[in-house]
Amino acid sequence: MSPSPDASPLRLLLGVQQHERRRLALAACFFFCVLASYYLLRPLRDAMGVAGGVDNLPWLFMGTLGATVLVSPLFAWLVSRWSRRQFVGVSYRLLIICLGLFYLAWTLSGESWRLWIGRAFFVWLSVYVLFAVSLMWSVMADSFPDREARRLFPLIGAGGTLGGIAGSALAGVLTESHGMGIPMLLAALFLEAAVRAMQALTLRSAAESSEQARIDRQAVGGQVRDLLTGLLGSPYLLGVAGFILLYTIGSTFLYLLQAGIVAGLASDIQSRGTLFARIDLFVNIATLASQLLLTRHLIARMGVPMTLALLPLLSLLGFAALAIWPAYALLIFVQAGRRAINFAIASPTRELLYVPLPRGEKFKVKNFIDTFVFRAGDQIGALTQAGLNTVGAGIAATALLGLPLCAGWLALAFWLGRRHRQLTLDPIAPTPDVSATVPPSASGEAHAPGSS
């Protein structure tokens, strides 16, 4: 006799119910393709950025911030007027067109132009990844209610991590043997596959829920200015923005220090790209192990406040260690460890903060926070690091500066977690027992996004 759905390995090991499997698979495939595309290109971006001189990276961060300011209102305009499936498809395919133009420019240009093409590519990809990933998670927050999101978001994140592993591994091989052009073309194919997976997910969700069918047909509505008024009028969203800002400032400190180390270890752009790809591969393998074995259980047992506070706490310990022992190996380990913990634990938990919010805030304000605020943190961190370099400060001085940032970040994480608990009307914030959850087909009820 075959096992009942309640006794299936997916439910016992991962907490996945039978009626959720197709949507989970499509969502994970969507994220797999988005991150596979990005991680094929990330080593190229980092190598191109270093090729122009580590001292010039703060200017590239400034260019990225400026590009984000230009793109955010356009995205908000699309969200206000088109249905979810329309604006998501158009957004990703515009990225594909841009990628094709960069491929042509890189392959047809001479060496004298490649430095500037590389700088433009650095800025474009830095904007691209934030919009692509933020948009993906906006669709997830719009498609899964809170009780499902707590269990399934870490697994969706694991799909993205597998994409990151695949992209990093392919980038390491292709960059070394075929140069820059082939990874760009393959990344475009992954983006198109992401669009197809998204379309299949929205159709599946609409077939299972009349509420999702209604949501999929409707534009989010509102005005472009909602991305600012929604943020400034909500202490909760301002707290989320502050959480992102403090994370990115610290990450930029470590990224620029790491870039300087890699520039000294590798002499040409392809070998630097290979080294960055190997670091990315390590990060993604560590992330996947945590997502599959740890994250869901942390959210279930510790709740959102404690889980959200893990990254600030461990970052505080990492910066303290660097202040005491400012070694290159420890710096790369702390940077890679922070990224792995962010992707595996902090990011899925942070995305839960948006689930109980209205659609306009999920798409417009969330995207503004994930792009402009994120890049503003980059810029603040880059300018601060440039100032430290001017006075000859090293790793230890940067680490000491990071300590009070991490302390404030930790306090903010606890506050956000408690506010999320209040918004979801959950006094203890555990994950519901999946055996007690009734599938929609049995209950006849459709759960609106953000319901708990």
Foldseek 3Di string as FASTA:
>chain_A
DDDDQCPDPCCVQQNDGPLCVLLLVLLLLLLLLLLLLLLLCVLLLLLLLCVLPLLCVLVLLVLLLVVLVVVQLVLLVCLQPAFLLVSLLVLLVVVLVVLVVLLCCCVPDDPVCSSVSSSVSNSVSLQVSLLSVLSSLLLVLQQDALLVLLRRLLVSLLSNLNSLLNNLVCNLVCCVPPNDNVSSVVSSVSSVSSSVSSVVSLVSSVVLFVQSVVRRHDRLHDHSCCLVCVCVVDPLNVLLLLLLLLVLLLLLLLVSQLSVVLCVVDPHSSVSSNVVSVLSNVLSVLLSVCSSRPASVCCQPVNLLVLLLPLLVVLLVLLVVCLVPVDNVSSSVSSSVSSSSCSNGNVSSSSSLCQQDRSSCSRNNSSCSSRNSNSVSSSVNSVVSSVCVVVPHDRNVSSVVSNVSSVVSSVSSNVSRVVSCVSQVHPRRHNDSSVPDDRCVVVVHHDGGNHD
